[in-house]
Amino acid sequence: GLYSTLPLNLSGYGRLSGTSQAAPLVSAAAALTIGIIRDAYNYVPTPAEVERLILLGSVKSPQLTNYFKDGNRLDMLKLVQQINISYPLTKDSTAGSIDLSSLSCPQ
């Protein structure tokens, strides 16, 4: 679960899971995808294209198949890499470029 405020005691914190915790992260991934492509191409991708990129940018975890679609786990770094592959100008243009070397993710 994600470390979050607890619903019954907003002054306390604890681990929660479910769609209430996942929705903000997936929304952020969709916004990141749209923003990078829009800035580089002056084009807003369709919802189906955003979903395709998020799924391609996910990490497959077979042990999660019972809990998530196809066992996918959101990985923002892999998502940005997938956007750079699918939309090459995001890699080279200054408008939509993200310097991946400055990002660090725990393994």
PDB file of N, CA and C in Angstrom:
ATOM      1  N   GLY A   1       0.802  -1.190   0.000  1.00  0.00           N
ATOM      2  CA  GLY A   1       0.000   0.000   0.000  1.00  0.00           C
ATOM      3  C   GLY A   1       0.844   1.252   0.000  1.00  0.00           C
ATOM      4  N   LEU A   2       0.187   2.358  -0.212  1.00  0.00           N
ATOM      5  CA  LEU A   2       0.835   3.669  -0.214  1.00  0.00           C
ATOM      6  C   LEU A   2       0.668   4.324   1.149  1.00  0.00           C
ATOM      7  N   TYR A   3       1.673   5.030   1.577  1.00  0.00           N
ATOM      8  CA  TYR A   3       1.623   5.751   2.838  1.00  0.00           C
ATOM      9  C   TYR A   3       0.760   6.992   2.625  1.00  0.00           C
ATOM     10  N   SER A   4      -0.306   7.123   3.388  1.00  0.00           N
ATOM     11  CA  SER A   4      -1.276   8.186   3.156  1.00  0.00           C
ATOM     12  C   SER A   4      -1.935   8.586   4.471  1.00  0.00           C
ATOM     13  N   THR A   5      -2.716   9.680   4.421  1.00  0.00           N
ATOM     14  CA  THR A   5      -3.516  10.031   5.595  1.00  0.00           C
ATOM     15  C   THR A   5      -4.613   8.990   5.754  1.00  0.00           C
ATOM     16  N   LEU A   6      -4.907   8.645   6.980  1.00  0.00           N
ATOM     17  CA  LEU A   6      -5.952   7.656   7.233  1.00  0.00           C
ATOM     18  C   LEU A   6      -7.317   8.327   7.188  1.00  0.00           C
ATOM     19  N   PRO A   7      -8.295   7.685   6.559  1.00  0.00           N
ATOM     20  CA  PRO A   7      -9.596   8.333   6.360  1.00  0.00           C
ATOM     21  C   PRO A   7     -10.340   8.689   7.648  1.00  0.00           C
ATOM     22  N   LEU A   8     -10.192   7.900   8.690  1.00  0.00           N
ATOM     23  CA  LEU A   8     -10.938   8.173   9.920  1.00  0.00           C
ATOM     24  C   LEU A   8     -10.205   9.121  10.861  1.00  0.00           C
ATOM     25  N   ASN A   9      -8.926   9.302  10.643  1.00  0.00           N
ATOM     26  CA  ASN A   9      -8.133  10.140  11.525  1.00  0.00           C
ATOM     27  C   ASN A   9      -7.142  10.911  10.656  1.00  0.00           C
ATOM     28  N   LEU A  10      -7.569  12.044  10.128  1.00  0.00           N
ATOM     29  CA  LEU A  10      -6.743  12.775   9.167  1.00  0.00           C
ATOM     30  C   LEU A  10      -5.442  13.302   9.761  1.00  0.00           C
ATOM     31  N   SER A  11      -5.276  13.166  11.055  1.00  0.00           N
ATOM     32  CA  SER A  11      -4.005  13.588  11.638  1.00  0.00           C
ATOM     33  C   SER A  11      -3.021  12.421  11.704  1.00  0.00           C
ATOM     34  N   GLY A  12      -3.472  11.242  11.321  1.00  0.00           N
ATOM     35  CA  GLY A  12      -2.611  10.057  11.352  1.00  0.00           C
ATOM     36  C   GLY A  12      -2.296   9.565   9.951  1.00  0.00           C
ATOM     37  N   TYR A  13      -1.297   8.723   9.857  1.00  0.00           N
ATOM     38  CA  TYR A  13      -0.868   8.180   8.576  1.00  0.00           C
ATOM     39  C   TYR A  13      -0.796   6.666   8.663  1.00  0.00           C
ATOM     40  N   GLY A  14      -0.963   6.029   7.529  1.00  0.00           N
ATOM     41  CA  GLY A  14      -0.861   4.582   7.466  1.00  0.00           C
ATOM     42  C   GLY A  14      -0.852   4.133   6.021  1.00  0.00           C
ATOM     43  N   ARG A  15      -0.735   2.844   5.805  1.00  0.00           N
ATOM     44  CA  ARG A  15      -0.696   2.295   4.449  1.00  0.00           C
ATOM     45  C   ARG A  15      -2.104   1.949   3.989  1.00  0.00           C
ATOM     46  N   LEU A  16      -2.447   2.439   2.788  1.00  0.00           N
ATOM     47  CA  LEU A  16      -3.746   2.167   2.184  1.00  0.00           C
ATOM     48  C   LEU A  16      -3.518   1.630   0.780  1.00  0.00           C
ATOM     49  N   SER A  17      -4.502   0.920   0.255  1.00  0.00           N
ATOM     50  CA  SER A  17      -4.396   0.409  -1.109  1.00  0.00           C
ATOM     51  C   SER A  17      -5.748   0.527  -1.786  1.00  0.00           C
ATOM     52  N   GLY A  18      -5.778   0.243  -3.070  1.00  0.00           N
ATOM     53  CA  GLY A  18      -7.026   0.272  -3.825  1.00  0.00           C
ATOM     54  C   GLY A  18      -7.050   1.411  -4.829  1.00  0.00           C
ATOM     55  N   THR A  19      -8.201   1.538  -5.478  1.00  0.00           N
ATOM     56  CA  THR A  19      -8.332   2.540  -6.537  1.00  0.00           C
ATOM     57  C   THR A  19      -8.202   3.962  -6.014  1.00  0.00           C
ATOM     58  N   SER A  20      -8.588   4.203  -4.761  1.00  0.00           N
ATOM     59  CA  SER A  20      -8.449   5.552  -4.202  1.00  0.00           C
ATOM     60  C   SER A  20      -6.984   5.977  -4.137  1.00  0.00           C
ATOM     61  N   GLN A  21      -6.101   5.029  -3.978  1.00  0.00           N
ATOM     62  CA  GLN A  21      -4.674   5.333  -3.916  1.00  0.00           C
ATOM     63  C   GLN A  21      -4.045   5.321  -5.313  1.00  0.00           C
ATOM     64  N   ALA A  22      -4.552   4.471  -6.199  1.00  0.00           N
ATOM     65  CA  ALA A  22      -3.970   4.334  -7.537  1.00  0.00           C
ATOM     66  C   ALA A  22      -4.401   5.457  -8.480  1.00  0.00           C
ATOM     67  N   ALA A  23      -5.628   5.923  -8.350  1.00  0.00           N
ATOM     68  CA  ALA A  23      -6.172   6.907  -9.287  1.00  0.00           C
ATOM     69  C   ALA A  23      -5.317   8.177  -9.405  1.00  0.00           C
ATOM     70  N   PRO A  24      -4.844   8.771  -8.308  1.00  0.00           N
ATOM     71  CA  PRO A  24      -4.013   9.968  -8.457  1.00  0.00           C
ATOM     72  C   PRO A  24      -2.696   9.697  -9.198  1.00  0.00           C
ATOM     73  N   LEU A  25      -2.124   8.511  -8.999  1.00  0.00           N
ATOM     74  CA  LEU A  25      -0.870   8.186  -9.669  1.00  0.00           C
ATOM     75  C   LEU A  25      -1.077   7.947 -11.162  1.00  0.00           C
ATOM     76  N   VAL A  26      -2.138   7.255 -11.517  1.00  0.00           N
ATOM     77  CA  VAL A  26      -2.426   7.015 -12.932  1.00  0.00           C
ATOM     78  C   VAL A  26      -2.826   8.335 -13.606  1.00  0.00           C
ATOM     79  N   SER A  27      -3.559   9.187 -12.895  1.00  0.00           N
ATOM     80  CA  SER A  27      -3.909  10.507 -13.438  1.00  0.00           C
ATOM     81  C   SER A  27      -2.652  11.333 -13.693  1.00  0.00           C
ATOM     82  N   ALA A  28      -1.706  11.259 -12.773  1.00  0.00           N
ATOM     83  CA  ALA A  28      -0.435  11.980 -12.957  1.00  0.00           C
ATOM     84  C   ALA A  28       0.327  11.427 -14.162  1.00  0.00           C
ATOM     85  N   ALA A  29       0.314  10.109 -14.345  1.00  0.00           N
ATOM     86  CA  ALA A  29       0.978   9.496 -15.496  1.00  0.00           C
ATOM     87  C   ALA A  29       0.326   9.956 -16.795  1.00  0.00           C
ATOM     88  N   ALA A  30      -1.002  10.024 -16.815  1.00  0.00           N
ATOM     89  CA  ALA A  30      -1.720  10.492 -18.010  1.00  0.00           C
ATOM     90  C   ALA A  30      -1.394  11.960 -18.287  1.00  0.00           C
ATOM     91  N   ALA A  31      -1.385  12.784 -17.256  1.00  0.00           N
ATOM     92  CA  ALA A  31      -1.068  14.207 -17.435  1.00  0.00           C
ATOM     93  C   ALA A  31       0.368  14.391 -17.918  1.00  0.00           C
ATOM     94  N   LEU A  32       1.294  13.619 -17.371  1.00  0.00           N
ATOM     95  CA  LEU A  32       2.691  13.681 -17.807  1.00  0.00           C
ATOM     96  C   LEU A  32       2.797  13.314 -19.289  1.00  0.00           C
ATOM     97  N   THR A  33       2.119  12.239 -19.680  1.00  0.00           N
ATOM     98  CA  THR A  33       2.138  11.784 -21.062  1.00  0.00           C
ATOM     99  C   THR A  33       1.588  12.856 -21.996  1.00  0.00           C
ATOM    100  N   ILE A  34       0.435  13.395 -21.668  1.00  0.00           N
ATOM    101  CA  ILE A  34      -0.187  14.429 -22.497  1.00  0.00           C
ATOM    102  C   ILE A  34       0.699  15.660 -22.569  1.00  0.00           C
ATOM    103  N   GLY A  35       1.240  16.086 -21.436  1.00  0.00           N
ATOM    104  CA  GLY A  35       2.074  17.292 -21.404  1.00  0.00           C
ATOM    105  C   GLY A  35       3.339  17.174 -22.232  1.00  0.00           C
ATOM    106  N   ILE A  36       4.022  16.042 -22.130  1.00  0.00           N
ATOM    107  CA  ILE A  36       5.263  15.860 -22.891  1.00  0.00           C
ATOM    108  C   ILE A  36       4.977  15.886 -24.388  1.00  0.00           C
ATOM    109  N   ILE A  37       3.944  15.133 -24.805  1.00  0.00           N
ATOM    110  CA  ILE A  37       3.623  15.064 -26.239  1.00  0.00           C
ATOM    111  C   ILE A  37       3.100  16.408 -26.735  1.00  0.00           C
ATOM    112  N   ARG A  38       2.249  17.056 -25.956  1.00  0.00           N
ATOM    113  CA  ARG A  38       1.710  18.358 -26.360  1.00  0.00           C
ATOM    114  C   ARG A  38       2.813  19.402 -26.512  1.00  0.00           C
ATOM    115  N   ASP A  39       3.740  19.440 -25.565  1.00  0.00           N
ATOM    116  CA  ASP A  39       4.812  20.427 -25.634  1.00  0.00           C
ATOM    117  C   ASP A  39       5.743  20.193 -26.818  1.00  0.00           C
ATOM    118  N   ALA A  40       5.991  18.936 -27.153  1.00  0.00           N
ATOM    119  CA  ALA A  40       6.921  18.632 -28.237  1.00  0.00           C
ATOM    120  C   ALA A  40       6.269  18.710 -29.612  1.00  0.00           C
ATOM    121  N   TYR A  41       4.997  18.328 -29.726  1.00  0.00           N
ATOM    122  CA  TYR A  41       4.338  18.207 -31.027  1.00  0.00           C
ATOM    123  C   TYR A  41       3.164  19.163 -31.227  1.00  0.00           C
ATOM    124  N   ASN A  42       2.798  19.909 -30.201  1.00  0.00           N
ATOM    125  CA  ASN A  42       1.610  20.759 -30.254  1.00  0.00           C
ATOM    126  C   ASN A  42       0.394  19.917 -30.652  1.00  0.00           C
ATOM    127  N   TYR A  43       0.307  18.746 -30.074  1.00  0.00           N
ATOM    128  CA  TYR A  43      -0.730  17.766 -30.376  1.00  0.00           C
ATOM    129  C   TYR A  43      -1.121  17.086 -29.074  1.00  0.00           C
ATOM    130  N   VAL A  44      -2.420  16.927 -28.856  1.00  0.00           N
ATOM    131  CA  VAL A  44      -2.895  16.233 -27.663  1.00  0.00           C
ATOM    132  C   VAL A  44      -3.273  14.809 -28.061  1.00  0.00           C
ATOM    133  N   PRO A  45      -2.618  13.809 -27.476  1.00  0.00           N
ATOM    134  CA  PRO A  45      -2.923  12.421 -27.838  1.00  0.00           C
ATOM    135  C   PRO A  45      -4.326  12.011 -27.376  1.00  0.00           C
ATOM    136  N   THR A  46      -4.892  11.032 -28.063  1.00  0.00           N
ATOM    137  CA  THR A  46      -6.212  10.524 -27.693  1.00  0.00           C
ATOM    138  C   THR A  46      -6.118   9.749 -26.381  1.00  0.00           C
ATOM    139  N   PRO A  47      -7.238   9.585 -25.690  1.00  0.00           N
ATOM    140  CA  PRO A  47      -7.214   8.760 -24.477  1.00  0.00           C
ATOM    141  C   PRO A  47      -6.697   7.342 -24.741  1.00  0.00           C
ATOM    142  N   ALA A  48      -7.033   6.778 -25.887  1.00  0.00           N
ATOM    143  CA  ALA A  48      -6.554   5.427 -26.219  1.00  0.00           C
ATOM    144  C   ALA A  48      -5.034   5.415 -26.371  1.00  0.00           C
ATOM    145  N   GLU A  49      -4.465   6.469 -26.950  1.00  0.00           N
ATOM    146  CA  GLU A  49      -3.008   6.555 -27.107  1.00  0.00           C
ATOM    147  C   GLU A  49      -2.330   6.725 -25.752  1.00  0.00           C
ATOM    148  N   VAL A  50      -2.919   7.520 -24.876  1.00  0.00           N
ATOM    149  CA  VAL A  50      -2.370   7.702 -23.529  1.00  0.00           C
ATOM    150  C   VAL A  50      -2.392   6.367 -22.786  1.00  0.00           C
ATOM    151  N   GLU A  51      -3.497   5.643 -22.882  1.00  0.00           N
ATOM    152  CA  GLU A  51      -3.591   4.328 -22.231  1.00  0.00           C
ATOM    153  C   GLU A  51      -2.548   3.376 -22.804  1.00  0.00           C
ATOM    154  N   ARG A  52      -2.392   3.369 -24.129  1.00  0.00           N
ATOM    155  CA  ARG A  52      -1.403   2.497 -24.773  1.00  0.00           C
ATOM    156  C   ARG A  52      -0.003   2.777 -24.246  1.00  0.00           C
ATOM    157  N   LEU A  53       0.359   4.046 -24.149  1.00  0.00           N
ATOM    158  CA  LEU A  53       1.695   4.409 -23.676  1.00  0.00           C
ATOM    159  C   LEU A  53       1.885   4.038 -22.207  1.00  0.00           C
ATOM    160  N   ILE A  54       0.857   4.264 -21.390  1.00  0.00           N
ATOM    161  CA  ILE A  54       0.968   3.905 -19.974  1.00  0.00           C
ATOM    162  C   ILE A  54       1.139   2.393 -19.826  1.00  0.00           C
ATOM    163  N   LEU A  55       0.382   1.619 -20.594  1.00  0.00           N
ATOM    164  CA  LEU A  55       0.514   0.161 -20.521  1.00  0.00           C
ATOM    165  C   LEU A  55       1.882  -0.299 -21.021  1.00  0.00           C
ATOM    166  N   LEU A  56       2.370   0.304 -22.116  1.00  0.00           N
ATOM    167  CA  LEU A  56       3.701  -0.054 -22.623  1.00  0.00           C
ATOM    168  C   LEU A  56       4.800   0.378 -21.648  1.00  0.00           C
ATOM    169  N   GLY A  57       4.544   1.444 -20.911  1.00  0.00           N
ATOM    170  CA  GLY A  57       5.525   1.951 -19.962  1.00  0.00           C
ATOM    171  C   GLY A  57       5.411   1.328 -18.585  1.00  0.00           C
ATOM    172  N   SER A  58       4.602   0.305 -18.462  1.00  0.00           N
ATOM    173  CA  SER A  58       4.442  -0.377 -17.180  1.00  0.00           C
ATOM    174  C   SER A  58       5.414  -1.542 -17.072  1.00  0.00           C
ATOM    175  N   VAL A  59       5.653  -1.941 -15.851  1.00  0.00           N
ATOM    176  CA  VAL A  59       6.494  -3.106 -15.581  1.00  0.00           C
ATOM    177  C   VAL A  59       5.566  -4.289 -15.363  1.00  0.00           C
ATOM    178  N   LYS A  60       5.851  -5.381 -16.034  1.00  0.00           N
ATOM    179  CA  LYS A  60       5.046  -6.594 -15.883  1.00  0.00           C
ATOM    180  C   LYS A  60       5.509  -7.357 -14.644  1.00  0.00           C
ATOM    181  N   SER A  61       4.605  -7.597 -13.727  1.00  0.00           N
ATOM    182  CA  SER A  61       4.903  -8.342 -12.502  1.00  0.00           C
ATOM    183  C   SER A  61       3.916  -9.493 -12.403  1.00  0.00           C
ATOM    184  N   PRO A  62       4.320 -10.703 -12.817  1.00  0.00           N
ATOM    185  CA  PRO A  62       3.396 -11.845 -12.815  1.00  0.00           C
ATOM    186  C   PRO A  62       2.722 -12.085 -11.465  1.00  0.00           C
ATOM    187  N   GLN A  63       3.388 -11.813 -10.374  1.00  0.00           N
ATOM    188  CA  GLN A  63       2.778 -12.044  -9.057  1.00  0.00           C
ATOM    189  C   GLN A  63       1.636 -11.063  -8.779  1.00  0.00           C
ATOM    190  N   LEU A  64       1.489 -10.026  -9.598  1.00  0.00           N
ATOM    191  CA  LEU A  64       0.418  -9.050  -9.397  1.00  0.00           C
ATOM    192  C   LEU A  64      -0.778  -9.296 -10.306  1.00  0.00           C
ATOM    193  N   THR A  65      -0.753 -10.350 -11.134  1.00  0.00           N
ATOM    194  CA  THR A  65      -1.823 -10.588 -12.119  1.00  0.00           C
ATOM    195  C   THR A  65      -3.199 -10.711 -11.485  1.00  0.00           C
ATOM    196  N   ASN A  66      -3.283 -11.225 -10.294  1.00  0.00           N
ATOM    197  CA  ASN A  66      -4.589 -11.342  -9.639  1.00  0.00           C
ATOM    198  C   ASN A  66      -5.128 -10.003  -9.152  1.00  0.00           C
ATOM    199  N   TYR A  67      -4.255  -8.995  -9.078  1.00  0.00           N
ATOM    200  CA  TYR A  67      -4.649  -7.714  -8.514  1.00  0.00           C
ATOM    201  C   TYR A  67      -4.733  -6.581  -9.530  1.00  0.00           C
ATOM    202  N   PHE A  68      -3.901  -6.626 -10.576  1.00  0.00           N
ATOM    203  CA  PHE A  68      -3.838  -5.550 -11.557  1.00  0.00           C
ATOM    204  C   PHE A  68      -3.967  -6.111 -12.961  1.00  0.00           C
ATOM    205  N   LYS A  69      -4.467  -5.294 -13.879  1.00  0.00           N
ATOM    206  CA  LYS A  69      -4.620  -5.710 -15.273  1.00  0.00           C
ATOM    207  C   LYS A  69      -3.288  -6.216 -15.820  1.00  0.00           C
ATOM    208  N   ASP A  70      -3.271  -7.460 -16.212  1.00  0.00           N
ATOM    209  CA  ASP A  70      -2.079  -8.101 -16.788  1.00  0.00           C
ATOM    210  C   ASP A  70      -0.867  -8.056 -15.867  1.00  0.00           C
ATOM    211  N   GLY A  71      -1.058  -7.761 -14.577  1.00  0.00           N
ATOM    212  CA  GLY A  71       0.069  -7.696 -13.651  1.00  0.00           C
ATOM    213  C   GLY A  71       0.932  -6.464 -13.863  1.00  0.00           C
ATOM    214  N   ASN A  72       0.358  -5.415 -14.459  1.00  0.00           N
ATOM    215  CA  ASN A  72       1.116  -4.191 -14.731  1.00  0.00           C
ATOM    216  C   ASN A  72       1.310  -3.366 -13.470  1.00  0.00           C
ATOM    217  N   ARG A  73       2.505  -2.801 -13.342  1.00  0.00           N
ATOM    218  CA  ARG A  73       2.818  -1.880 -12.247  1.00  0.00           C
ATOM    219  C   ARG A  73       3.327  -0.596 -12.879  1.00  0.00           C
ATOM    220  N   LEU A  74       2.767   0.534 -12.490  1.00  0.00           N
ATOM    221  CA  LEU A  74       3.142   1.824 -13.064  1.00  0.00           C
ATOM    222  C   LEU A  74       4.596   2.151 -12.747  1.00  0.00           C
ATOM    223  N   ASP A  75       5.320   2.578 -13.784  1.00  0.00           N
ATOM    224  CA  ASP A  75       6.722   2.961 -13.633  1.00  0.00           C
ATOM    225  C   ASP A  75       6.914   4.237 -14.445  1.00  0.00           C
ATOM    226  N   MET A  76       6.985   5.381 -13.757  1.00  0.00           N
ATOM    227  CA  MET A  76       7.050   6.676 -14.441  1.00  0.00           C
ATOM    228  C   MET A  76       8.303   6.824 -15.309  1.00  0.00           C
ATOM    229  N   LEU A  77       9.426   6.319 -14.836  1.00  0.00           N
ATOM    230  CA  LEU A  77      10.654   6.415 -15.622  1.00  0.00           C
ATOM    231  C   LEU A  77      10.517   5.617 -16.915  1.00  0.00           C
ATOM    232  N   LYS A  78      10.011   4.404 -16.826  1.00  0.00           N
ATOM    233  CA  LYS A  78       9.813   3.585 -18.025  1.00  0.00           C
ATOM    234  C   LYS A  78       8.777   4.233 -18.938  1.00  0.00           C
ATOM    235  N   LEU A  79       7.763   4.886 -18.368  1.00  0.00           N
ATOM    236  CA  LEU A  79       6.762   5.590 -19.167  1.00  0.00           C
ATOM    237  C   LEU A  79       7.406   6.697 -19.993  1.00  0.00           C
ATOM    238  N   VAL A  80       8.240   7.504 -19.362  1.00  0.00           N
ATOM    239  CA  VAL A  80       8.923   8.586 -20.094  1.00  0.00           C
ATOM    240  C   VAL A  80       9.827   8.000 -21.187  1.00  0.00           C
ATOM    241  N   GLN A  81      10.506   6.909 -20.890  1.00  0.00           N
ATOM    242  CA  GLN A  81      11.334   6.255 -21.901  1.00  0.00           C
ATOM    243  C   GLN A  81      10.479   5.772 -23.065  1.00  0.00           C
ATOM    244  N   GLN A  82       9.302   5.224 -22.783  1.00  0.00           N
ATOM    245  CA  GLN A  82       8.402   4.753 -23.840  1.00  0.00           C
ATOM    246  C   GLN A  82       7.889   5.917 -24.680  1.00  0.00           C
ATOM    247  N   ILE A  83       7.579   7.038 -24.041  1.00  0.00           N
ATOM    248  CA  ILE A  83       7.151   8.229 -24.785  1.00  0.00           C
ATOM    249  C   ILE A  83       8.268   8.674 -25.714  1.00  0.00           C
ATOM    250  N   ASN A  84       9.506   8.678 -25.214  1.00  0.00           N
ATOM    251  CA  ASN A  84      10.648   9.073 -26.042  1.00  0.00           C
ATOM    252  C   ASN A  84      10.851   8.136 -27.228  1.00  0.00           C
ATOM    253  N   ILE A  85      10.513   6.864 -27.073  1.00  0.00           N
ATOM    254  CA  ILE A  85      10.618   5.905 -28.177  1.00  0.00           C
ATOM    255  C   ILE A  85       9.502   6.144 -29.192  1.00  0.00           C
ATOM    256  N   SER A  86       8.281   6.287 -28.707  1.00  0.00           N
ATOM    257  CA  SER A  86       7.124   6.437 -29.584  1.00  0.00           C
ATOM    258  C   SER A  86       7.047   7.820 -30.230  1.00  0.00           C
ATOM    259  N   TYR A  87       7.548   8.820 -29.549  1.00  0.00           N
ATOM    260  CA  TYR A  87       7.508  10.199 -30.036  1.00  0.00           C
ATOM    261  C   TYR A  87       8.926  10.767 -29.948  1.00  0.00           C
ATOM    262  N   PRO A  88       9.759  10.503 -30.956  1.00  0.00           N
ATOM    263  CA  PRO A  88      11.189  10.843 -30.880  1.00  0.00           C
ATOM    264  C   PRO A  88      11.495  12.312 -30.614  1.00  0.00           C
ATOM    265  N   LEU A  89      10.642  13.223 -31.049  1.00  0.00           N
ATOM    266  CA  LEU A  89      10.937  14.636 -30.812  1.00  0.00           C
ATOM    267  C   LEU A  89      10.928  14.995 -29.338  1.00  0.00           C
ATOM    268  N   THR A  90      10.259  14.187 -28.506  1.00  0.00           N
ATOM    269  CA  THR A  90      10.260  14.481 -27.074  1.00  0.00           C
ATOM    270  C   THR A  90      11.656  14.280 -26.494  1.00  0.00           C
ATOM    271  N   LYS A  91      12.444  13.440 -27.168  1.00  0.00           N
ATOM    272  CA  LYS A  91      13.803  13.179 -26.693  1.00  0.00           C
ATOM    273  C   LYS A  91      14.748  14.312 -27.083  1.00  0.00           C
ATOM    274  N   ASP A  92      14.558  14.871 -28.290  1.00  0.00           N
ATOM    275  CA  ASP A  92      15.523  15.826 -28.824  1.00  0.00           C
ATOM    276  C   ASP A  92      15.087  17.289 -28.705  1.00  0.00           C
ATOM    277  N   SER A  93      13.785  17.552 -28.631  1.00  0.00           N
ATOM    278  CA  SER A  93      13.357  18.945 -28.571  1.00  0.00           C
ATOM    279  C   SER A  93      13.464  19.442 -27.132  1.00  0.00           C
ATOM    280  N   THR A  94      13.710  20.726 -26.989  1.00  0.00           N
ATOM    281  CA  THR A  94      13.816  21.280 -25.644  1.00  0.00           C
ATOM    282  C   THR A  94      12.446  21.424 -25.000  1.00  0.00           C
ATOM    283  N   ALA A  95      11.380  21.536 -25.820  1.00  0.00           N
ATOM    284  CA  ALA A  95      10.044  21.747 -25.266  1.00  0.00           C
ATOM    285  C   ALA A  95       9.570  20.560 -24.444  1.00  0.00           C
ATOM    286  N   GLY A  96       9.736  19.353 -24.966  1.00  0.00           N
ATOM    287  CA  GLY A  96       9.192  18.200 -24.277  1.00  0.00           C
ATOM    288  C   GLY A  96      10.248  17.289 -23.699  1.00  0.00           C
ATOM    289  N   SER A  97      11.473  17.745 -23.663  1.00  0.00           N
ATOM    290  CA  SER A  97      12.566  16.881 -23.246  1.00  0.00           C
ATOM    291  C   SER A  97      12.627  16.733 -21.734  1.00  0.00           C
ATOM    292  N   ILE A  98      12.846  15.520 -21.303  1.00  0.00           N
ATOM    293  CA  ILE A  98      13.098  15.263 -19.886  1.00  0.00           C
ATOM    294  C   ILE A  98      14.446  14.586 -19.793  1.00  0.00           C
ATOM    295  N   ASP A  99      15.333  15.171 -19.011  1.00  0.00           N
ATOM    296  CA  ASP A  99      16.661  14.590 -18.830  1.00  0.00           C
ATOM    297  C   ASP A  99      16.554  13.429 -17.862  1.00  0.00           C
ATOM    298  N   LEU A 100      16.616  12.200 -18.405  1.00  0.00           N
ATOM    299  CA  LEU A 100      16.451  11.010 -17.573  1.00  0.00           C
ATOM    300  C   LEU A 100      17.623  10.780 -16.643  1.00  0.00           C
ATOM    301  N   SER A 101      18.781  11.359 -16.956  1.00  0.00           N
ATOM    302  CA  SER A 101      19.954  11.122 -16.109  1.00  0.00           C
ATOM    303  C   SER A 101      19.785  11.766 -14.721  1.00  0.00           C
ATOM    304  N   SER A 102      18.898  12.750 -14.607  1.00  0.00           N
ATOM    305  CA  SER A 102      18.717  13.403 -13.322  1.00  0.00           C
ATOM    306  C   SER A 102      17.697  12.677 -12.445  1.00  0.00           C
ATOM    307  N   LEU A 103      17.002  11.694 -13.010  1.00  0.00           N
ATOM    308  CA  LEU A 103      16.015  10.947 -12.256  1.00  0.00           C
ATOM    309  C   LEU A 103      16.648   9.720 -11.609  1.00  0.00           C
ATOM    310  N   SER A 104      16.258   9.442 -10.408  1.00  0.00           N
ATOM    311  CA  SER A 104      16.730   8.215  -9.777  1.00  0.00           C
ATOM    312  C   SER A 104      15.546   7.509  -9.172  1.00  0.00           C
ATOM    313  N   CYS A 105      15.482   6.223  -9.374  1.00  0.00           N
ATOM    314  CA  CYS A 105      14.392   5.416  -8.841  1.00  0.00           C
ATOM    315  C   CYS A 105      14.979   4.274  -8.031  1.00  0.00           C
ATOM    316  N   PRO A 106      14.425   4.023  -6.857  1.00  0.00           N
ATOM    317  CA  PRO A 106      14.904   2.871  -6.099  1.00  0.00           C
ATOM    318  C   PRO A 106      14.518   1.590  -6.814  1.00  0.00           C
ATOM    319  N   GLN A 107      15.374   0.605  -6.770  1.00  0.00           N
ATOM    320  CA  GLN A 107      15.092  -0.668  -7.431  1.00  0.00           C
ATOM    321  C   GLN A 107      14.503  -1.649  -6.462  1.00  0.00           C
TER     322      GLN A 107
END
